[in-house]
Amino acid sequence: MAVTGTTQLARNLAATQIIKQLNSQLNTQNAQLSSGLKSNGLVGVASQAQELGWLKNQLSASSAYQSGTTTVQNRVSLYTVSMERIIDIATEAMDLMIKNRDTTFAATSAPASQANALLDQIGSALLVKDGDRYLFSGGNYGDAPISGQLSSIPTQYAAGAVPGDTGYDDPLSVATDAASSPQPPYLNSAAASQDNFYDTDGIALYVDDNERVSYGIAATDPGIQQVIDALVRFRDATADISGDPANYQTRVDDALKQLRTSITSLQTTASENGYVQQRLTEVQSRHASNTDLLKKRIAGIQEADVAEVSVNIKSLQASLEATYAVLSDSFSLSLVNYLK
């Protein structure tokens, strides 16, 4: 009987040990099912730990480039909206000038007021911001790109001025790269020169390790300056409606010529901005695909196979139930032997 009791005790202890092991394994499988990750972090994927680290670094870099590209894409989209608005205003200005070329019509339609209203609409489009960043201020984006309202530009072309005469085109001469004062009066008075205030050459973003995209439009863009100049020419020409109708018409024709030139230039600038927008869209798509691929590769290494884990849990639960049943029967038999 002593031998029988000792043997039975050993069996019970063995069964108890098996139960502990099964419970431990079951807890591990449940933890994987709960977290979705293999157990013990990198220990669970030790053979692929180096690859996993490299993949995570690549994912971090790709996400950073993707975020930066999205930020710039938003700015470029705002440029698109503003440029489309300015082109629409230029088209309205052309309609205004053509209708008011007739002095009889112009005498009653307040063309100067209409011109000033269009100038202020252009000014509003130029003051667009992305957060605290003025988009049309070039590299000096913390300051407004224009000074005051465009309708406040003082008379530049006095009554009786004749297009083609010396000095007629000087007051609002178009600023060029590295131009210093005098500059058109509507530009920010803090700008010592276009080169250190409106320059857009340095506005760019690395969208990948070896790919840099330049973007940006400044208030000194030739098309923008030309449409403002054309509207000012037309507005100032209204001083000759009653005093010199023939010269008024000549001045309106001069403004129209300038306006048509400005629209062509504006469309070129808008097209260049559209190319940048398309390029950024392609980069975003590339980064999105790369990010998805990296996430899948990382998941393949560190994430648990839910289907496999579920099968393992069911198997362990079945083993536990069987072991408990054996242990229960064993205790019952031991009690009978003891009572004998």
Protein backbone atom coordinates (compact mmCIF):
# COMPACT_ATOMS: atom_id res chain seq x y z
CA MET A 1 0.00 0.00 0.00
CA ALA A 2 2.89 2.35 0.72
CA VAL A 3 4.28 1.74 -2.73
CA THR A 4 0.91 2.34 -4.28
CA GLY A 5 0.46 5.59 -2.35
CA THR A 6 3.91 6.86 -3.31
CA THR A 7 3.31 6.10 -6.98
CA GLN A 8 -0.05 7.84 -6.89
CA LEU A 9 1.46 10.92 -5.21
CA ALA A 10 4.10 11.14 -7.89
CA ARG A 11 1.43 10.96 -10.57
CA ASN A 12 -0.57 13.70 -8.86
CA LEU A 13 2.47 15.94 -8.56
CA ALA A 14 3.28 15.35 -12.24
CA ALA A 15 -0.27 16.20 -13.24
CA THR A 16 -0.15 19.35 -11.11
CA GLN A 17 3.09 20.40 -12.82
CA ILE A 18 1.51 19.80 -16.22
CA ILE A 19 -1.43 21.98 -15.23
CA LYS A 20 0.92 24.80 -14.23
CA GLN A 21 2.73 24.58 -17.55
CA LEU A 22 -0.52 24.51 -19.50
CA ASN A 23 -1.85 27.53 -17.60
CA SER A 24 1.37 29.41 -18.26
CA GLN A 25 1.15 28.63 -21.97
CA LEU A 26 -2.53 29.56 -22.01
CA ASN A 27 -1.77 32.93 -20.34
CA THR A 28 0.91 33.62 -22.97
CA GLN A 29 -1.48 32.81 -25.82
CA ASN A 30 -4.23 34.96 -24.28
CA ALA A 31 -1.77 37.87 -23.92
CA GLN A 32 -0.86 37.56 -27.60
CA LEU A 33 -4.53 37.49 -28.54
CA SER A 34 -5.17 40.59 -26.42
CA SER A 35 -2.19 42.66 -27.60
CA GLY A 36 -2.00 41.31 -31.13
CA LEU A 37 1.78 40.96 -30.68
CA LYS A 38 4.05 38.00 -30.21
CA SER A 39 5.05 37.42 -26.61
CA ASN A 40 8.09 38.96 -24.88
CA GLY A 41 8.62 41.81 -27.36
CA LEU A 42 11.82 41.48 -29.37
CA VAL A 43 12.66 38.28 -27.49
CA GLY A 44 9.80 36.66 -29.35
CA VAL A 45 11.30 37.66 -32.71
CA ALA A 46 14.98 37.54 -31.78
CA SER A 47 16.06 36.14 -35.13
CA GLN A 48 14.48 39.12 -36.93
CA ALA A 49 15.15 41.85 -34.36
CA GLN A 50 17.70 43.65 -36.57
CA GLU A 51 15.38 43.63 -39.56
CA LEU A 52 12.50 44.83 -37.40
CA GLY A 53 14.56 47.76 -36.10
CA TRP A 54 15.56 48.75 -39.65
CA LEU A 55 11.95 48.55 -40.84
CA LYS A 56 10.75 50.73 -37.98
CA ASN A 57 13.40 53.35 -38.77
CA GLN A 58 12.29 53.33 -42.41
CA LEU A 59 8.65 53.68 -41.35
CA SER A 60 9.49 56.64 -39.11
CA ALA A 61 11.36 58.40 -41.94
CA SER A 62 8.61 57.67 -44.45
CA SER A 63 5.95 59.02 -42.07
CA ALA A 64 7.98 62.20 -41.47
CA TYR A 65 8.39 62.83 -45.21
CA GLN A 66 4.70 62.09 -45.72
CA SER A 67 3.70 64.61 -43.04
CA GLY A 68 5.97 67.33 -44.45
CA THR A 69 4.71 66.71 -47.98
CA THR A 70 1.09 67.02 -46.79
CA THR A 71 1.87 70.37 -45.13
CA VAL A 72 3.41 71.77 -48.30
CA GLN A 73 0.64 70.29 -50.45
CA ASN A 74 -1.86 72.26 -48.36
CA ARG A 75 0.12 75.46 -48.97
CA VAL A 76 0.40 74.81 -52.68
CA SER A 77 -3.36 74.23 -52.78
CA LEU A 78 -3.88 77.64 -51.15
CA TYR A 79 -1.64 79.20 -53.81
CA THR A 80 -3.82 77.52 -56.43
CA VAL A 81 -7.01 78.99 -54.98
CA SER A 82 -5.51 82.49 -54.71
CA MET A 83 -4.07 82.43 -58.24
CA GLU A 84 -7.38 81.26 -59.67
CA ARG A 85 -9.07 84.11 -57.81
CA ILE A 86 -6.59 86.70 -59.11
CA ILE A 87 -7.04 85.42 -62.68
CA ASP A 88 -10.82 85.71 -62.25
CA ILE A 89 -10.39 89.28 -60.97
CA ALA A 90 -8.17 90.10 -63.95
CA THR A 91 -10.90 88.77 -66.24
CA GLU A 92 -13.47 90.94 -64.44
CA ALA A 93 -11.11 93.89 -64.86
CA MET A 94 -10.94 93.28 -68.61
CA ASP A 95 -14.73 93.30 -68.79
CA LEU A 96 -14.78 96.51 -66.73
CA MET A 97 -12.29 98.27 -69.02
CA ILE A 98 -13.98 97.19 -72.25
CA LYS A 99 -17.40 98.36 -71.05
CA ASN A 100 -16.03 101.66 -69.77
CA ARG A 101 -13.96 102.45 -72.85
CA ASP A 102 -17.02 104.43 -74.00
CA THR A 103 -16.85 107.77 -72.18
CA THR A 104 -20.63 108.21 -72.13
CA PHE A 105 -21.04 104.91 -70.26
CA ALA A 106 -18.01 105.59 -68.04
CA ALA A 107 -19.36 108.98 -66.98
CA THR A 108 -22.19 107.32 -65.05
CA SER A 109 -20.74 103.96 -63.94
CA ALA A 110 -18.11 105.08 -61.38
CA PRO A 111 -15.31 103.05 -63.00
CA ALA A 112 -12.66 104.29 -60.56
CA SER A 113 -14.61 102.89 -57.60
CA GLN A 114 -15.04 99.58 -59.39
CA ALA A 115 -11.32 99.44 -60.12
CA ASN A 116 -10.50 100.11 -56.45
CA ALA A 117 -12.87 97.32 -55.40
CA LEU A 118 -11.05 94.87 -57.68
CA LEU A 119 -7.69 96.05 -56.34
CA ASP A 120 -8.79 95.29 -52.79
CA GLN A 121 -9.99 91.84 -53.86
CA ILE A 122 -6.50 91.15 -55.21
CA GLY A 123 -5.06 92.41 -51.94
CA SER A 124 -7.30 90.01 -50.02
CA ALA A 125 -6.12 87.09 -52.17
CA LEU A 126 -2.48 88.05 -51.48
CA LEU A 127 -3.00 88.03 -47.71
CA VAL A 128 -3.86 84.33 -47.57
CA LYS A 129 -2.18 82.50 -44.67
CA ASP A 130 -1.34 78.96 -43.66
CA GLY A 131 -1.56 79.24 -39.89
CA ASP A 132 0.68 82.22 -39.05
CA ARG A 133 2.52 82.04 -42.37
CA TYR A 134 1.82 84.63 -45.11
CA LEU A 135 2.19 82.64 -48.30
CA PHE A 136 2.89 85.51 -50.71
CA SER A 137 5.72 87.04 -48.62
CA GLY A 138 8.40 84.71 -49.96
CA GLY A 139 11.08 83.88 -47.42
CA ASN A 140 9.92 86.57 -44.99
CA TYR A 141 6.61 84.84 -44.36
CA GLY A 142 6.12 86.33 -40.90
CA ASP A 143 5.19 89.73 -42.37
CA ALA A 144 2.33 90.73 -44.66
CA PRO A 145 3.26 90.77 -48.37
CA ILE A 146 1.59 94.13 -49.06
CA SER A 147 1.36 97.40 -47.18
CA GLY A 148 -2.18 98.63 -46.56
CA GLN A 149 -5.06 98.32 -49.01
CA LEU A 150 -4.31 98.34 -52.72
CA SER A 151 -7.12 100.83 -53.24
CA SER A 152 -5.07 103.24 -51.13
CA ILE A 153 -2.29 103.40 -53.71
CA PRO A 154 -2.05 107.13 -54.48
CA THR A 155 -2.46 108.48 -58.00
CA GLN A 156 0.44 107.28 -60.11
CA TYR A 157 -0.64 108.52 -63.55
CA ALA A 158 -1.89 112.09 -63.31
CA ALA A 159 -4.66 113.65 -65.36
CA GLY A 160 -3.45 114.41 -68.89
CA ALA A 161 -0.63 111.84 -68.77
CA VAL A 162 -0.02 110.32 -72.17
CA PRO A 163 0.99 106.65 -72.62
CA GLY A 164 4.39 106.39 -74.23
CA ASP A 165 5.69 109.69 -72.86
CA THR A 166 8.87 109.59 -70.80
CA GLY A 167 8.14 108.52 -67.24
CA TYR A 168 4.66 107.13 -67.90
CA ASP A 169 5.66 103.60 -66.96
CA ASP A 170 8.04 104.50 -64.13
CA PRO A 171 5.73 104.86 -61.10
CA LEU A 172 4.72 101.18 -60.92
CA SER A 173 7.69 99.60 -62.65
CA VAL A 174 7.77 95.86 -62.06
CA ALA A 175 10.23 94.80 -59.38
CA THR A 176 12.75 92.16 -60.42
CA ASP A 177 15.14 89.89 -58.53
CA ALA A 178 17.48 91.85 -56.27
CA ALA A 179 15.66 95.10 -57.11
CA SER A 180 16.10 97.82 -54.53
CA SER A 181 13.99 100.93 -53.97
CA PRO A 182 12.11 102.54 -55.51
CA GLN A 183 9.66 99.68 -55.55
CA PRO A 184 5.93 99.72 -56.28
CA PRO A 185 4.24 101.49 -53.34
CA TYR A 186 1.95 98.61 -52.45
CA LEU A 187 4.80 96.28 -51.48
CA ASN A 188 5.66 95.91 -47.81
CA SER A 189 7.51 99.05 -46.77
CA ALA A 190 9.82 96.98 -44.55
CA ALA A 191 11.37 95.32 -47.59
CA ALA A 192 14.76 96.78 -48.33
CA SER A 193 14.87 94.72 -51.48
CA GLN A 194 12.98 91.89 -53.07
CA ASP A 195 15.98 89.64 -52.68
CA ASN A 196 15.87 89.51 -48.87
CA PHE A 197 12.10 89.78 -48.40
CA TYR A 198 10.15 88.24 -51.28
CA ASP A 199 12.70 85.70 -52.45
CA THR A 200 11.19 82.24 -52.93
CA ASP A 201 14.36 80.43 -54.03
CA GLY A 202 14.98 79.08 -50.55
CA ILE A 203 11.42 77.86 -49.95
CA ALA A 204 11.63 74.14 -50.50
CA LEU A 205 11.10 70.80 -48.80
CA TYR A 206 12.93 67.49 -48.87
CA VAL A 207 10.22 65.00 -49.79
CA ASP A 208 12.69 62.11 -49.73
CA ASP A 209 16.34 61.60 -48.84
CA ASN A 210 17.56 62.88 -52.20
CA GLU A 211 14.51 64.72 -53.54
CA ARG A 212 13.82 68.39 -52.84
CA VAL A 213 10.76 70.28 -54.13
CA SER A 214 10.78 74.08 -54.44
CA TYR A 215 7.48 75.93 -54.22
CA GLY A 216 6.00 79.35 -53.51
CA ILE A 217 4.73 82.51 -55.22
CA ALA A 218 5.55 86.02 -54.03
CA ALA A 219 3.57 89.27 -54.29
CA THR A 220 6.32 90.44 -56.65
CA ASP A 221 5.38 87.81 -59.23
CA PRO A 222 5.40 89.69 -62.59
CA GLY A 223 1.81 88.74 -63.44
CA ILE A 224 0.50 89.90 -60.06
CA GLN A 225 2.37 93.21 -60.33
CA GLN A 226 1.18 93.73 -63.89
CA VAL A 227 -2.52 93.22 -63.11
CA ILE A 228 -2.26 95.66 -60.20
CA ASP A 229 -0.47 98.16 -62.45
CA ALA A 230 -3.12 97.76 -65.18
CA LEU A 231 -5.95 98.47 -62.72
CA VAL A 232 -4.14 101.52 -61.34
CA ARG A 233 -3.58 102.82 -64.90
CA PHE A 234 -7.26 102.40 -65.65
CA ARG A 235 -8.38 103.95 -62.36
CA ASP A 236 -6.13 106.99 -62.84
CA ALA A 237 -7.21 107.34 -66.47
CA THR A 238 -10.76 108.14 -65.33
CA ALA A 239 -9.53 111.65 -64.46
CA ASP A 240 -9.61 112.36 -68.23
CA ILE A 241 -13.17 111.13 -68.91
CA SER A 242 -14.66 114.59 -69.16
CA GLY A 243 -11.57 116.74 -69.76
CA ASP A 244 -9.87 114.71 -72.51
CA PRO A 245 -12.08 111.81 -73.70
CA ALA A 246 -9.72 110.85 -76.53
CA ASN A 247 -6.75 110.55 -74.18
CA TYR A 248 -8.97 108.62 -71.74
CA GLN A 249 -9.64 106.01 -74.42
CA THR A 250 -5.94 105.86 -75.27
CA ARG A 251 -5.13 105.29 -71.60
CA VAL A 252 -7.81 102.59 -71.27
CA ASP A 253 -6.35 100.81 -74.31
CA ASP A 254 -2.91 101.02 -72.67
CA ALA A 255 -4.31 99.51 -69.46
CA LEU A 256 -6.03 96.76 -71.44
CA LYS A 257 -2.76 95.89 -73.18
CA GLN A 258 -1.04 95.66 -69.80
CA LEU A 259 -3.91 93.58 -68.43
CA ARG A 260 -3.76 91.03 -71.26
CA THR A 261 -0.02 90.66 -70.66
CA SER A 262 -0.68 90.13 -66.95
CA ILE A 263 -3.29 87.40 -67.56
CA THR A 264 -0.86 85.44 -69.74
CA SER A 265 1.81 85.75 -67.05
CA LEU A 266 -0.62 84.78 -64.27
CA GLN A 267 -1.66 81.67 -66.18
CA THR A 268 1.99 80.66 -66.58
CA THR A 269 2.59 81.06 -62.84
CA ALA A 270 -0.58 79.10 -62.04
CA SER A 271 0.52 76.35 -64.42
CA GLU A 272 3.94 76.11 -62.74
CA ASN A 273 2.25 75.90 -59.35
CA GLY A 274 -0.03 73.19 -60.73
CA TYR A 275 3.01 71.17 -61.79
CA VAL A 276 4.37 71.37 -58.24
CA GLN A 277 0.97 70.29 -56.90
CA GLN A 278 0.93 67.29 -59.23
CA ARG A 279 4.47 66.34 -58.26
CA LEU A 280 3.62 66.51 -54.56
CA THR A 281 0.53 64.35 -55.15
CA GLU A 282 2.72 61.72 -56.80
CA VAL A 283 5.17 61.86 -53.89
CA GLN A 284 2.33 61.50 -51.38
CA SER A 285 1.01 58.45 -53.22
CA ARG A 286 4.49 56.92 -53.29
CA HIS A 287 5.01 57.50 -49.56
CA ALA A 288 1.55 56.13 -48.74
CA SER A 289 2.29 52.91 -50.65
CA ASN A 290 5.72 52.60 -49.03
CA THR A 291 4.25 53.19 -45.56
CA ASP A 292 1.62 50.50 -46.08
CA LEU A 293 4.28 48.03 -47.27
CA LEU A 294 6.52 48.74 -44.27
CA LYS A 295 3.60 48.32 -41.86
CA LYS A 296 2.76 44.95 -43.40
CA ARG A 297 6.37 43.78 -43.14
CA ILE A 298 6.58 44.92 -39.51
CA ALA A 299 3.28 43.22 -38.74
CA GLY A 300 4.56 40.00 -40.30
CA ILE A 301 7.45 39.98 -37.84
CA GLN A 302 6.02 41.22 -34.56
CA GLU A 303 2.31 40.60 -34.74
CA ALA A 304 0.81 37.33 -33.60
CA ASP A 305 -1.15 35.11 -35.98
CA VAL A 306 -4.64 35.47 -34.49
CA ALA A 307 -5.97 32.33 -36.17
CA GLU A 308 -3.01 30.26 -34.97
CA VAL A 309 -3.24 31.69 -31.44
CA SER A 310 -6.96 30.91 -31.29
CA VAL A 311 -6.31 27.29 -32.30
CA ASN A 312 -3.54 27.03 -29.68
CA ILE A 313 -5.85 28.37 -26.97
CA LYS A 314 -8.54 25.83 -27.80
CA SER A 315 -5.95 23.04 -27.77
CA LEU A 316 -4.51 24.13 -24.42
CA GLN A 317 -7.96 24.45 -22.90
CA ALA A 318 -8.79 20.91 -24.05
CA SER A 319 -5.51 19.62 -22.57
CA LEU A 320 -6.23 21.37 -19.29
CA GLU A 321 -9.71 19.89 -19.08
CA ALA A 322 -8.33 16.42 -19.77
CA THR A 323 -5.58 16.83 -17.17
CA TYR A 324 -8.03 18.10 -14.57
CA ALA A 325 -10.26 15.12 -15.31
CA VAL A 326 -7.37 12.67 -14.85
CA LEU A 327 -6.31 14.40 -11.65
CA SER A 328 -9.88 14.33 -10.31
CA ASP A 329 -10.17 10.61 -11.01
CA SER A 330 -6.82 10.05 -9.37
CA PHE A 331 -7.90 11.77 -6.18
CA SER A 332 -11.09 9.71 -6.12
CA LEU A 333 -9.13 6.43 -6.45
CA SER A 334 -6.69 7.52 -3.76
CA LEU A 335 -9.54 8.18 -1.32
CA VAL A 336 -10.96 4.72 -1.98
CA ASN A 337 -7.57 3.10 -1.38
CA TYR A 338 -7.20 5.09 1.81
CA LEU A 339 -10.60 4.02 3.11
CA LYS A 340 -9.73 0.36 2.46
